[in-house]
Amino acid sequence: MNKLNNKISKTKLKVGDSIIVISGDHKGEKGSITKFFNKKNSVIVEGVNLVTKHNKPSASNPKGGISKKEAPVHISNVMFVEDEKAVKIGYKFVDNKKVRYSKRSNNEV
């Protein structure tokens, strides 16, 4: 891989934030972030981008079967959601503490 693919982007999103998918096959779906993959610049969103996984039979699961699991979504395809609308997030200092705020409503997140 070249150096451009290993670049870790800074993001203002955190685990537990409610987001909306703004582009791709799952555009318009909402959920909350459950996991980050910093090196891949992607997140796993609860209930979004479900894929089917075929499981081989094993000692713990003798029948095997088909299960659904969430696949990662690229960070650039998601935005923070506030009042059912996608908003940009910024940083400002309040009482010498760095806090996140919504650029649309100017409220702290």
PDB file of N, CA and C in Angstrom:
ATOM      1  N   MET A   1       0.834  -1.190   0.000  1.00  0.00           N
ATOM      2  CA  MET A   1       0.000   0.000   0.000  1.00  0.00           C
ATOM      3  C   MET A   1       0.871   1.244   0.000  1.00  0.00           C
ATOM      4  N   ASN A   2       0.370   2.264  -0.633  1.00  0.00           N
ATOM      5  CA  ASN A   2       1.126   3.505  -0.613  1.00  0.00           C
ATOM      6  C   ASN A   2       0.764   4.324   0.623  1.00  0.00           C
ATOM      7  N   LYS A   3       1.488   5.407   0.846  1.00  0.00           N
ATOM      8  CA  LYS A   3       1.317   6.185   2.067  1.00  0.00           C
ATOM      9  C   LYS A   3      -0.035   6.877   2.136  1.00  0.00           C
ATOM     10  N   LEU A   4      -0.639   7.185   1.015  1.00  0.00           N
ATOM     11  CA  LEU A   4      -1.915   7.882   1.031  1.00  0.00           C
ATOM     12  C   LEU A   4      -3.020   7.013   1.612  1.00  0.00           C
ATOM     13  N   ASN A   5      -2.970   5.709   1.417  1.00  0.00           N
ATOM     14  CA  ASN A   5      -4.012   4.829   1.927  1.00  0.00           C
ATOM     15  C   ASN A   5      -3.905   4.597   3.429  1.00  0.00           C
ATOM     16  N   ASN A   6      -2.743   4.848   4.025  1.00  0.00           N
ATOM     17  CA  ASN A   6      -2.554   4.645   5.455  1.00  0.00           C
ATOM     18  C   ASN A   6      -2.861   5.889   6.270  1.00  0.00           C
ATOM     19  N   LYS A   7      -3.296   6.965   5.645  1.00  0.00           N
ATOM     20  CA  LYS A   7      -3.533   8.212   6.346  1.00  0.00           C
ATOM     21  C   LYS A   7      -4.755   8.083   7.250  1.00  0.00           C
ATOM     22  N   ILE A   8      -4.605   8.445   8.508  1.00  0.00           N
ATOM     23  CA  ILE A   8      -5.708   8.420   9.461  1.00  0.00           C
ATOM     24  C   ILE A   8      -6.299   9.818   9.508  1.00  0.00           C
ATOM     25  N   SER A   9      -7.585   9.922   9.217  1.00  0.00           N
ATOM     26  CA  SER A   9      -8.223  11.231   9.203  1.00  0.00           C
ATOM     27  C   SER A   9      -8.754  11.572  10.584  1.00  0.00           C
ATOM     28  N   LYS A  10      -8.745  12.848  10.897  1.00  0.00           N
ATOM     29  CA  LYS A  10      -9.330  13.303  12.146  1.00  0.00           C
ATOM     30  C   LYS A  10     -10.826  13.429  11.937  1.00  0.00           C
ATOM     31  N   THR A  11     -11.574  13.043  12.934  1.00  0.00           N
ATOM     32  CA  THR A  11     -13.016  13.158  12.849  1.00  0.00           C
ATOM     33  C   THR A  11     -13.545  13.707  14.159  1.00  0.00           C
ATOM     34  N   LYS A  12     -14.659  14.380  14.102  1.00  0.00           N
ATOM     35  CA  LYS A  12     -15.257  14.954  15.297  1.00  0.00           C
ATOM     36  C   LYS A  12     -16.343  14.058  15.859  1.00  0.00           C
ATOM     37  N   LEU A  13     -16.526  12.883  15.256  1.00  0.00           N
ATOM     38  CA  LEU A  13     -17.518  11.929  15.732  1.00  0.00           C
ATOM     39  C   LEU A  13     -16.922  11.038  16.809  1.00  0.00           C
ATOM     40  N   LYS A  14     -17.791  10.510  17.673  1.00  0.00           N
ATOM     41  CA  LYS A  14     -17.357   9.620  18.746  1.00  0.00           C
ATOM     42  C   LYS A  14     -18.296   8.432  18.809  1.00  0.00           C
ATOM     43  N   VAL A  15     -17.859   7.385  19.509  1.00  0.00           N
ATOM     44  CA  VAL A  15     -18.698   6.215  19.714  1.00  0.00           C
ATOM     45  C   VAL A  15     -19.924   6.636  20.517  1.00  0.00           C
ATOM     46  N   GLY A  16     -21.083   6.205  20.066  1.00  0.00           N
ATOM     47  CA  GLY A  16     -22.331   6.550  20.745  1.00  0.00           C
ATOM     48  C   GLY A  16     -23.070   7.710  20.104  1.00  0.00           C
ATOM     49  N   ASP A  17     -22.425   8.454  19.193  1.00  0.00           N
ATOM     50  CA  ASP A  17     -23.099   9.560  18.514  1.00  0.00           C
ATOM     51  C   ASP A  17     -24.167   9.022  17.580  1.00  0.00           C
ATOM     52  N   SER A  18     -25.289   9.732  17.497  1.00  0.00           N
ATOM     53  CA  SER A  18     -26.308   9.363  16.522  1.00  0.00           C
ATOM     54  C   SER A  18     -25.962  10.037  15.204  1.00  0.00           C
ATOM     55  N   ILE A  19     -26.009   9.259  14.129  1.00  0.00           N
ATOM     56  CA  ILE A  19     -25.581   9.759  12.823  1.00  0.00           C
ATOM     57  C   ILE A  19     -26.614   9.398  11.769  1.00  0.00           C
ATOM     58  N   ILE A  20     -26.441   9.993  10.591  1.00  0.00           N
ATOM     59  CA  ILE A  20     -27.241   9.671   9.423  1.00  0.00           C
ATOM     60  C   ILE A  20     -26.273   9.415   8.273  1.00  0.00           C
ATOM     61  N   VAL A  21     -26.595   8.438   7.434  1.00  0.00           N
ATOM     62  CA  VAL A  21     -25.771   8.142   6.267  1.00  0.00           C
ATOM     63  C   VAL A  21     -26.173   9.118   5.172  1.00  0.00           C
ATOM     64  N   ILE A  22     -25.201   9.841   4.603  1.00  0.00           N
ATOM     65  CA  ILE A  22     -25.515  10.902   3.646  1.00  0.00           C
ATOM     66  C   ILE A  22     -25.264  10.503   2.195  1.00  0.00           C
ATOM     67  N   SER A  23     -24.609   9.346   1.961  1.00  0.00           N
ATOM     68  CA  SER A  23     -24.403   8.905   0.585  1.00  0.00           C
ATOM     69  C   SER A  23     -24.203   7.409   0.548  1.00  0.00           C
ATOM     70  N   GLY A  24     -24.394   6.832  -0.623  1.00  0.00           N
ATOM     71  CA  GLY A  24     -24.205   5.401  -0.783  1.00  0.00           C
ATOM     72  C   GLY A  24     -25.523   4.649  -0.809  1.00  0.00           C
ATOM     73  N   ASP A  25     -25.427   3.325  -0.748  1.00  0.00           N
ATOM     74  CA  ASP A  25     -26.604   2.469  -0.834  1.00  0.00           C
ATOM     75  C   ASP A  25     -27.551   2.657   0.343  1.00  0.00           C
ATOM     76  N   HIS A  26     -27.048   3.074   1.480  1.00  0.00           N
ATOM     77  CA  HIS A  26     -27.867   3.178   2.687  1.00  0.00           C
ATOM     78  C   HIS A  26     -28.172   4.632   3.044  1.00  0.00           C
ATOM     79  N   LYS A  27     -28.239   5.485   2.041  1.00  0.00           N
ATOM     80  CA  LYS A  27     -28.483   6.905   2.253  1.00  0.00           C
ATOM     81  C   LYS A  27     -29.799   7.125   2.990  1.00  0.00           C
ATOM     82  N   GLY A  28     -29.753   7.975   4.012  1.00  0.00           N
ATOM     83  CA  GLY A  28     -30.950   8.310   4.771  1.00  0.00           C
ATOM     84  C   GLY A  28     -31.168   7.464   6.014  1.00  0.00           C
ATOM     85  N   GLU A  29     -30.435   6.376   6.171  1.00  0.00           N
ATOM     86  CA  GLU A  29     -30.607   5.515   7.346  1.00  0.00           C
ATOM     87  C   GLU A  29     -29.904   6.140   8.542  1.00  0.00           C
ATOM     88  N   LYS A  30     -30.527   5.966   9.718  1.00  0.00           N
ATOM     89  CA  LYS A  30     -29.991   6.548  10.944  1.00  0.00           C
ATOM     90  C   LYS A  30     -29.605   5.451  11.912  1.00  0.00           C
ATOM     91  N   GLY A  31     -28.644   5.747  12.769  1.00  0.00           N
ATOM     92  CA  GLY A  31     -28.199   4.808  13.789  1.00  0.00           C
ATOM     93  C   GLY A  31     -27.175   5.476  14.676  1.00  0.00           C
ATOM     94  N   SER A  32     -26.574   4.689  15.557  1.00  0.00           N
ATOM     95  CA  SER A  32     -25.531   5.231  16.415  1.00  0.00           C
ATOM     96  C   SER A  32     -24.237   4.461  16.176  1.00  0.00           C
ATOM     97  N   ILE A  33     -23.122   5.131  16.368  1.00  0.00           N
ATOM     98  CA  ILE A  33     -21.813   4.542  16.119  1.00  0.00           C
ATOM     99  C   ILE A  33     -21.492   3.557  17.242  1.00  0.00           C
ATOM    100  N   THR A  34     -21.108   2.331  16.858  1.00  0.00           N
ATOM    101  CA  THR A  34     -20.747   1.335  17.855  1.00  0.00           C
ATOM    102  C   THR A  34     -19.254   1.061  17.877  1.00  0.00           C
ATOM    103  N   LYS A  35     -18.555   1.291  16.762  1.00  0.00           N
ATOM    104  CA  LYS A  35     -17.121   0.992  16.708  1.00  0.00           C
ATOM    105  C   LYS A  35     -16.440   1.845  15.644  1.00  0.00           C
ATOM    106  N   PHE A  36     -15.181   2.224  15.912  1.00  0.00           N
ATOM    107  CA  PHE A  36     -14.361   2.976  14.967  1.00  0.00           C
ATOM    108  C   PHE A  36     -13.227   2.104  14.456  1.00  0.00           C
ATOM    109  N   PHE A  37     -12.874   2.280  13.190  1.00  0.00           N
ATOM    110  CA  PHE A  37     -11.671   1.688  12.607  1.00  0.00           C
ATOM    111  C   PHE A  37     -10.845   2.845  12.067  1.00  0.00           C
ATOM    112  N   ASN A  38      -9.905   3.347  12.876  1.00  0.00           N
ATOM    113  CA  ASN A  38      -9.152   4.545  12.510  1.00  0.00           C
ATOM    114  C   ASN A  38      -8.295   4.351  11.273  1.00  0.00           C
ATOM    115  N   LYS A  39      -7.645   3.195  11.124  1.00  0.00           N
ATOM    116  CA  LYS A  39      -6.760   2.994   9.981  1.00  0.00           C
ATOM    117  C   LYS A  39      -7.535   2.866   8.682  1.00  0.00           C
ATOM    118  N   LYS A  40      -8.774   2.387   8.751  1.00  0.00           N
ATOM    119  CA  LYS A  40      -9.599   2.252   7.551  1.00  0.00           C
ATOM    120  C   LYS A  40     -10.496   3.457   7.339  1.00  0.00           C
ATOM    121  N   ASN A  41     -10.496   4.412   8.291  1.00  0.00           N
ATOM    122  CA  ASN A  41     -11.375   5.582   8.229  1.00  0.00           C
ATOM    123  C   ASN A  41     -12.836   5.178   8.078  1.00  0.00           C
ATOM    124  N   SER A  42     -13.258   4.213   8.859  1.00  0.00           N
ATOM    125  CA  SER A  42     -14.635   3.749   8.762  1.00  0.00           C
ATOM    126  C   SER A  42     -15.211   3.495  10.146  1.00  0.00           C
ATOM    127  N   VAL A  43     -16.525   3.400  10.195  1.00  0.00           N
ATOM    128  CA  VAL A  43     -17.244   3.173  11.443  1.00  0.00           C
ATOM    129  C   VAL A  43     -18.278   2.078  11.237  1.00  0.00           C
ATOM    130  N   ILE A  44     -18.661   1.433  12.325  1.00  0.00           N
ATOM    131  CA  ILE A  44     -19.783   0.505  12.276  1.00  0.00           C
ATOM    132  C   ILE A  44     -20.956   1.206  12.926  1.00  0.00           C
ATOM    133  N   VAL A  45     -22.074   1.250  12.196  1.00  0.00           N
ATOM    134  CA  VAL A  45     -23.273   1.931  12.660  1.00  0.00           C
ATOM    135  C   VAL A  45     -24.340   0.886  12.956  1.00  0.00           C
ATOM    136  N   GLU A  46     -24.974   1.027  14.104  1.00  0.00           N
ATOM    137  CA  GLU A  46     -25.986   0.079  14.549  1.00  0.00           C
ATOM    138  C   GLU A  46     -27.172   0.053  13.580  1.00  0.00           C
ATOM    139  N   GLY A  47     -27.428  -1.118  12.986  1.00  0.00           N
ATOM    140  CA  GLY A  47     -28.581  -1.303  12.107  1.00  0.00           C
ATOM    141  C   GLY A  47     -28.397  -0.826  10.679  1.00  0.00           C
ATOM    142  N   VAL A  48     -27.199  -0.423  10.294  1.00  0.00           N
ATOM    143  CA  VAL A  48     -26.946   0.085   8.943  1.00  0.00           C
ATOM    144  C   VAL A  48     -25.920  -0.803   8.258  1.00  0.00           C
ATOM    145  N   ASN A  49     -26.069  -1.016   6.964  1.00  0.00           N
ATOM    146  CA  ASN A  49     -25.146  -1.782   6.138  1.00  0.00           C
ATOM    147  C   ASN A  49     -25.044  -3.234   6.616  1.00  0.00           C
ATOM    148  N   LEU A  50     -26.188  -3.879   6.773  1.00  0.00           N
ATOM    149  CA  LEU A  50     -26.221  -5.271   7.193  1.00  0.00           C
ATOM    150  C   LEU A  50     -25.849  -6.169   6.025  1.00  0.00           C
ATOM    151  N   VAL A  51     -24.961  -7.119   6.280  1.00  0.00           N
ATOM    152  CA  VAL A  51     -24.547  -8.088   5.271  1.00  0.00           C
ATOM    153  C   VAL A  51     -24.811  -9.486   5.816  1.00  0.00           C
ATOM    154  N   THR A  52     -24.989 -10.451   4.907  1.00  0.00           N
ATOM    155  CA  THR A  52     -25.204 -11.822   5.344  1.00  0.00           C
ATOM    156  C   THR A  52     -23.875 -12.550   5.388  1.00  0.00           C
ATOM    157  N   LYS A  53     -23.673 -13.316   6.429  1.00  0.00           N
ATOM    158  CA  LYS A  53     -22.446 -14.088   6.607  1.00  0.00           C
ATOM    159  C   LYS A  53     -22.843 -15.557   6.709  1.00  0.00           C
ATOM    160  N   HIS A  54     -22.208 -16.387   5.907  1.00  0.00           N
ATOM    161  CA  HIS A  54     -22.469 -17.824   5.920  1.00  0.00           C
ATOM    162  C   HIS A  54     -21.481 -18.479   6.875  1.00  0.00           C
ATOM    163  N   ASN A  55     -21.997 -19.127   7.909  1.00  0.00           N
ATOM    164  CA  ASN A  55     -21.158 -19.747   8.933  1.00  0.00           C
ATOM    165  C   ASN A  55     -21.031 -21.239   8.686  1.00  0.00           C
ATOM    166  N   LYS A  56     -19.790 -21.729   8.734  1.00  0.00           N
ATOM    167  CA  LYS A  56     -19.544 -23.162   8.595  1.00  0.00           C
ATOM    168  C   LYS A  56     -19.952 -23.880   9.877  1.00  0.00           C
ATOM    169  N   PRO A  57     -20.362 -25.126   9.761  1.00  0.00           N
ATOM    170  CA  PRO A  57     -20.643 -25.893  10.980  1.00  0.00           C
ATOM    171  C   PRO A  57     -19.368 -26.078  11.798  1.00  0.00           C
ATOM    172  N   SER A  58     -19.502 -25.967  13.119  1.00  0.00           N
ATOM    173  CA  SER A  58     -18.367 -26.146  14.012  1.00  0.00           C
ATOM    174  C   SER A  58     -18.861 -26.848  15.280  1.00  0.00           C
ATOM    175  N   ALA A  59     -17.972 -27.064  16.219  1.00  0.00           N
ATOM    176  CA  ALA A  59     -18.356 -27.735  17.457  1.00  0.00           C
ATOM    177  C   ALA A  59     -19.354 -26.895  18.251  1.00  0.00           C
ATOM    178  N   SER A  60     -19.147 -25.582  18.267  1.00  0.00           N
ATOM    179  CA  SER A  60     -20.056 -24.711  19.013  1.00  0.00           C
ATOM    180  C   SER A  60     -21.359 -24.450  18.259  1.00  0.00           C
ATOM    181  N   ASN A  61     -21.314 -24.527  16.931  1.00  0.00           N
ATOM    182  CA  ASN A  61     -22.497 -24.305  16.108  1.00  0.00           C
ATOM    183  C   ASN A  61     -22.594 -25.456  15.105  1.00  0.00           C
ATOM    184  N   PRO A  62     -23.159 -26.604  15.494  1.00  0.00           N
ATOM    185  CA  PRO A  62     -23.116 -27.797  14.640  1.00  0.00           C
ATOM    186  C   PRO A  62     -23.905 -27.668  13.338  1.00  0.00           C
ATOM    187  N   LYS A  63     -24.913 -26.818  13.297  1.00  0.00           N
ATOM    188  CA  LYS A  63     -25.708 -26.680  12.066  1.00  0.00           C
ATOM    189  C   LYS A  63     -25.133 -25.649  11.100  1.00  0.00           C
ATOM    190  N   GLY A  64     -24.348 -24.725  11.609  1.00  0.00           N
ATOM    191  CA  GLY A  64     -23.871 -23.640  10.750  1.00  0.00           C
ATOM    192  C   GLY A  64     -25.020 -22.671  10.521  1.00  0.00           C
ATOM    193  N   GLY A  65     -25.101 -22.095   9.339  1.00  0.00           N
ATOM    194  CA  GLY A  65     -26.233 -21.238   9.016  1.00  0.00           C
ATOM    195  C   GLY A  65     -25.825 -19.906   8.440  1.00  0.00           C
ATOM    196  N   ILE A  66     -26.828 -19.051   8.312  1.00  0.00           N
ATOM    197  CA  ILE A  66     -26.636 -17.714   7.754  1.00  0.00           C
ATOM    198  C   ILE A  66     -26.968 -16.704   8.846  1.00  0.00           C
ATOM    199  N   SER A  67     -26.085 -15.733   9.047  1.00  0.00           N
ATOM    200  CA  SER A  67     -26.338 -14.695  10.045  1.00  0.00           C
ATOM    201  C   SER A  67     -26.152 -13.323   9.408  1.00  0.00           C
ATOM    202  N   LYS A  68     -26.760 -12.318  10.015  1.00  0.00           N
ATOM    203  CA  LYS A  68     -26.614 -10.931   9.551  1.00  0.00           C
ATOM    204  C   LYS A  68     -25.662 -10.213  10.493  1.00  0.00           C
ATOM    205  N   LYS A  69     -24.788  -9.381   9.921  1.00  0.00           N
ATOM    206  CA  LYS A  69     -23.904  -8.565  10.748  1.00  0.00           C
ATOM    207  C   LYS A  69     -23.684  -7.232  10.066  1.00  0.00           C
ATOM    208  N   GLU A  70     -23.244  -6.251  10.853  1.00  0.00           N
ATOM    209  CA  GLU A  70     -23.040  -4.903  10.340  1.00  0.00           C
ATOM    210  C   GLU A  70     -21.642  -4.772   9.758  1.00  0.00           C
ATOM    211  N   ALA A  71     -21.573  -4.189   8.571  1.00  0.00           N
ATOM    212  CA  ALA A  71     -20.295  -3.961   7.909  1.00  0.00           C
ATOM    213  C   ALA A  71     -19.921  -2.483   8.074  1.00  0.00           C
ATOM    214  N   PRO A  72     -18.629  -2.153   7.971  1.00  0.00           N
ATOM    215  CA  PRO A  72     -18.203  -0.760   8.144  1.00  0.00           C
ATOM    216  C   PRO A  72     -18.714   0.168   7.045  1.00  0.00           C
ATOM    217  N   VAL A  73     -18.909   1.433   7.422  1.00  0.00           N
ATOM    218  CA  VAL A  73     -19.287   2.509   6.507  1.00  0.00           C
ATOM    219  C   VAL A  73     -18.184   3.553   6.599  1.00  0.00           C
ATOM    220  N   HIS A  74     -17.765   4.116   5.468  1.00  0.00           N
ATOM    221  CA  HIS A  74     -16.686   5.107   5.472  1.00  0.00           C
ATOM    222  C   HIS A  74     -17.130   6.365   6.216  1.00  0.00           C
ATOM    223  N   ILE A  75     -16.183   6.982   6.916  1.00  0.00           N
ATOM    224  CA  ILE A  75     -16.479   8.167   7.731  1.00  0.00           C
ATOM    225  C   ILE A  75     -17.054   9.301   6.886  1.00  0.00           C
ATOM    226  N   SER A  76     -16.602   9.424   5.644  1.00  0.00           N
ATOM    227  CA  SER A  76     -17.069  10.518   4.795  1.00  0.00           C
ATOM    228  C   SER A  76     -18.531  10.362   4.398  1.00  0.00           C
ATOM    229  N   ASN A  77     -19.106   9.189   4.609  1.00  0.00           N
ATOM    230  CA  ASN A  77     -20.498   8.951   4.228  1.00  0.00           C
ATOM    231  C   ASN A  77     -21.471   9.140   5.383  1.00  0.00           C
ATOM    232  N   VAL A  78     -21.002   9.572   6.548  1.00  0.00           N
ATOM    233  CA  VAL A  78     -21.893   9.764   7.689  1.00  0.00           C
ATOM    234  C   VAL A  78     -21.741  11.170   8.249  1.00  0.00           C
ATOM    235  N   MET A  79     -22.835  11.688   8.845  1.00  0.00           N
ATOM    236  CA  MET A  79     -22.828  12.996   9.499  1.00  0.00           C
ATOM    237  C   MET A  79     -23.596  12.911  10.803  1.00  0.00           C
ATOM    238  N   PHE A  80     -23.229  13.750  11.740  1.00  0.00           N
ATOM    239  CA  PHE A  80     -23.923  13.843  13.012  1.00  0.00           C
ATOM    240  C   PHE A  80     -25.349  14.315  12.762  1.00  0.00           C
ATOM    241  N   VAL A  81     -26.306  13.778  13.522  1.00  0.00           N
ATOM    242  CA  VAL A  81     -27.702  14.166  13.329  1.00  0.00           C
ATOM    243  C   VAL A  81     -28.224  14.833  14.602  1.00  0.00           C
ATOM    244  N   GLU A  82     -28.965  15.934  14.395  1.00  0.00           N
ATOM    245  CA  GLU A  82     -29.575  16.673  15.495  1.00  0.00           C
ATOM    246  C   GLU A  82     -30.943  17.152  15.021  1.00  0.00           C
ATOM    247  N   ASP A  83     -31.972  16.830  15.761  1.00  0.00           N
ATOM    248  CA  ASP A  83     -33.353  17.201  15.394  1.00  0.00           C
ATOM    249  C   ASP A  83     -33.713  16.698  14.007  1.00  0.00           C
ATOM    250  N   GLU A  84     -33.351  15.431  13.725  1.00  0.00           N
ATOM    251  CA  GLU A  84     -33.673  14.760  12.461  1.00  0.00           C
ATOM    252  C   GLU A  84     -32.989  15.389  11.247  1.00  0.00           C
ATOM    253  N   LYS A  85     -31.953  16.229  11.442  1.00  0.00           N
ATOM    254  CA  LYS A  85     -31.225  16.842  10.333  1.00  0.00           C
ATOM    255  C   LYS A  85     -29.734  16.635  10.522  1.00  0.00           C
ATOM    256  N   ALA A  86     -29.010  16.471   9.414  1.00  0.00           N
ATOM    257  CA  ALA A  86     -27.559  16.330   9.456  1.00  0.00           C
ATOM    258  C   ALA A  86     -26.941  17.698   9.738  1.00  0.00           C
ATOM    259  N   VAL A  87     -25.983  17.720  10.678  1.00  0.00           N
ATOM    260  CA  VAL A  87     -25.339  18.977  11.043  1.00  0.00           C
ATOM    261  C   VAL A  87     -23.830  18.790  11.087  1.00  0.00           C
ATOM    262  N   LYS A  88     -23.119  19.880  10.873  1.00  0.00           N
ATOM    263  CA  LYS A  88     -21.675  19.888  11.032  1.00  0.00           C
ATOM    264  C   LYS A  88     -21.353  20.105  12.500  1.00  0.00           C
ATOM    265  N   ILE A  89     -20.220  19.543  12.917  1.00  0.00           N
ATOM    266  CA  ILE A  89     -19.776  19.652  14.294  1.00  0.00           C
ATOM    267  C   ILE A  89     -18.501  20.475  14.327  1.00  0.00           C
ATOM    268  N   GLY A  90     -18.399  21.366  15.298  1.00  0.00           N
ATOM    269  CA  GLY A  90     -17.200  22.167  15.471  1.00  0.00           C
ATOM    270  C   GLY A  90     -16.723  22.096  16.901  1.00  0.00           C
ATOM    271  N   TYR A  91     -15.586  22.720  17.177  1.00  0.00           N
ATOM    272  CA  TYR A  91     -15.042  22.787  18.528  1.00  0.00           C
ATOM    273  C   TYR A  91     -14.982  24.237  18.966  1.00  0.00           C
ATOM    274  N   LYS A  92     -15.237  24.477  20.241  1.00  0.00           N
ATOM    275  CA  LYS A  92     -15.004  25.793  20.832  1.00  0.00           C
ATOM    276  C   LYS A  92     -14.600  25.591  22.285  1.00  0.00           C
ATOM    277  N   PHE A  93     -13.998  26.616  22.862  1.00  0.00           N
ATOM    278  CA  PHE A  93     -13.549  26.545  24.247  1.00  0.00           C
ATOM    279  C   PHE A  93     -14.553  27.259  25.140  1.00  0.00           C
ATOM    280  N   VAL A  94     -15.038  26.544  26.170  1.00  0.00           N
ATOM    281  CA  VAL A  94     -15.943  27.112  27.155  1.00  0.00           C
ATOM    282  C   VAL A  94     -15.327  26.841  28.526  1.00  0.00           C
ATOM    283  N   ASP A  95     -15.020  27.894  29.260  1.00  0.00           N
ATOM    284  CA  ASP A  95     -14.380  27.769  30.578  1.00  0.00           C
ATOM    285  C   ASP A  95     -13.114  26.921  30.506  1.00  0.00           C
ATOM    286  N   ASN A  96     -12.276  27.192  29.534  1.00  0.00           N
ATOM    287  CA  ASN A  96     -11.005  26.479  29.322  1.00  0.00           C
ATOM    288  C   ASN A  96     -11.195  24.992  29.065  1.00  0.00           C
ATOM    289  N   LYS A  97     -12.349  24.588  28.581  1.00  0.00           N
ATOM    290  CA  LYS A  97     -12.596  23.204  28.176  1.00  0.00           C
ATOM    291  C   LYS A  97     -13.003  23.199  26.710  1.00  0.00           C
ATOM    292  N   LYS A  98     -12.474  22.244  25.987  1.00  0.00           N
ATOM    293  CA  LYS A  98     -12.790  22.107  24.573  1.00  0.00           C
ATOM    294  C   LYS A  98     -14.075  21.283  24.449  1.00  0.00           C
ATOM    295  N   VAL A  99     -15.112  21.863  23.858  1.00  0.00           N
ATOM    296  CA  VAL A  99     -16.395  21.172  23.729  1.00  0.00           C
ATOM    297  C   VAL A  99     -16.820  21.141  22.268  1.00  0.00           C
ATOM    298  N   ARG A 100     -17.585  20.107  21.920  1.00  0.00           N
ATOM    299  CA  ARG A 100     -18.140  20.017  20.576  1.00  0.00           C
ATOM    300  C   ARG A 100     -19.467  20.770  20.542  1.00  0.00           C
ATOM    301  N   TYR A 101     -19.758  21.407  19.397  1.00  0.00           N
ATOM    302  CA  TYR A 101     -21.027  22.103  19.268  1.00  0.00           C
ATOM    303  C   TYR A 101     -21.553  21.955  17.847  1.00  0.00           C
ATOM    304  N   SER A 102     -22.859  22.096  17.727  1.00  0.00           N
ATOM    305  CA  SER A 102     -23.515  22.018  16.432  1.00  0.00           C
ATOM    306  C   SER A 102     -23.406  23.368  15.744  1.00  0.00           C
ATOM    307  N   LYS A 103     -22.928  23.370  14.508  1.00  0.00           N
ATOM    308  CA  LYS A 103     -22.759  24.629  13.794  1.00  0.00           C
ATOM    309  C   LYS A 103     -24.094  25.191  13.299  1.00  0.00           C
ATOM    310  N   ARG A 104     -25.131  24.365  13.239  1.00  0.00           N
ATOM    311  CA  ARG A 104     -26.438  24.833  12.803  1.00  0.00           C
ATOM    312  C   ARG A 104     -27.150  25.570  13.935  1.00  0.00           C
ATOM    313  N   SER A 105     -27.208  24.955  15.114  1.00  0.00           N
ATOM    314  CA  SER A 105     -27.972  25.546  16.220  1.00  0.00           C
ATOM    315  C   SER A 105     -27.086  26.199  17.276  1.00  0.00           C
ATOM    316  N   ASN A 106     -25.772  26.032  17.177  1.00  0.00           N
ATOM    317  CA  ASN A 106     -24.808  26.592  18.125  1.00  0.00           C
ATOM    318  C   ASN A 106     -24.978  26.007  19.531  1.00  0.00           C
ATOM    319  N   ASN A 107     -25.594  24.833  19.668  1.00  0.00           N
ATOM    320  CA  ASN A 107     -25.747  24.151  20.947  1.00  0.00           C
ATOM    321  C   ASN A 107     -24.593  23.178  21.162  1.00  0.00           C
ATOM    322  N   GLU A 108     -24.234  22.967  22.435  1.00  0.00           N
ATOM    323  CA  GLU A 108     -23.201  21.980  22.752  1.00  0.00           C
ATOM    324  C   GLU A 108     -23.746  20.586  22.508  1.00  0.00           C
ATOM    325  N   VAL A 109     -22.863  19.712  22.051  1.00  0.00           N
ATOM    326  CA  VAL A 109     -23.265  18.330  21.775  1.00  0.00           C
ATOM    327  C   VAL A 109     -22.897  17.463  22.960  1.00  0.00           C
TER     328      VAL A 109
END
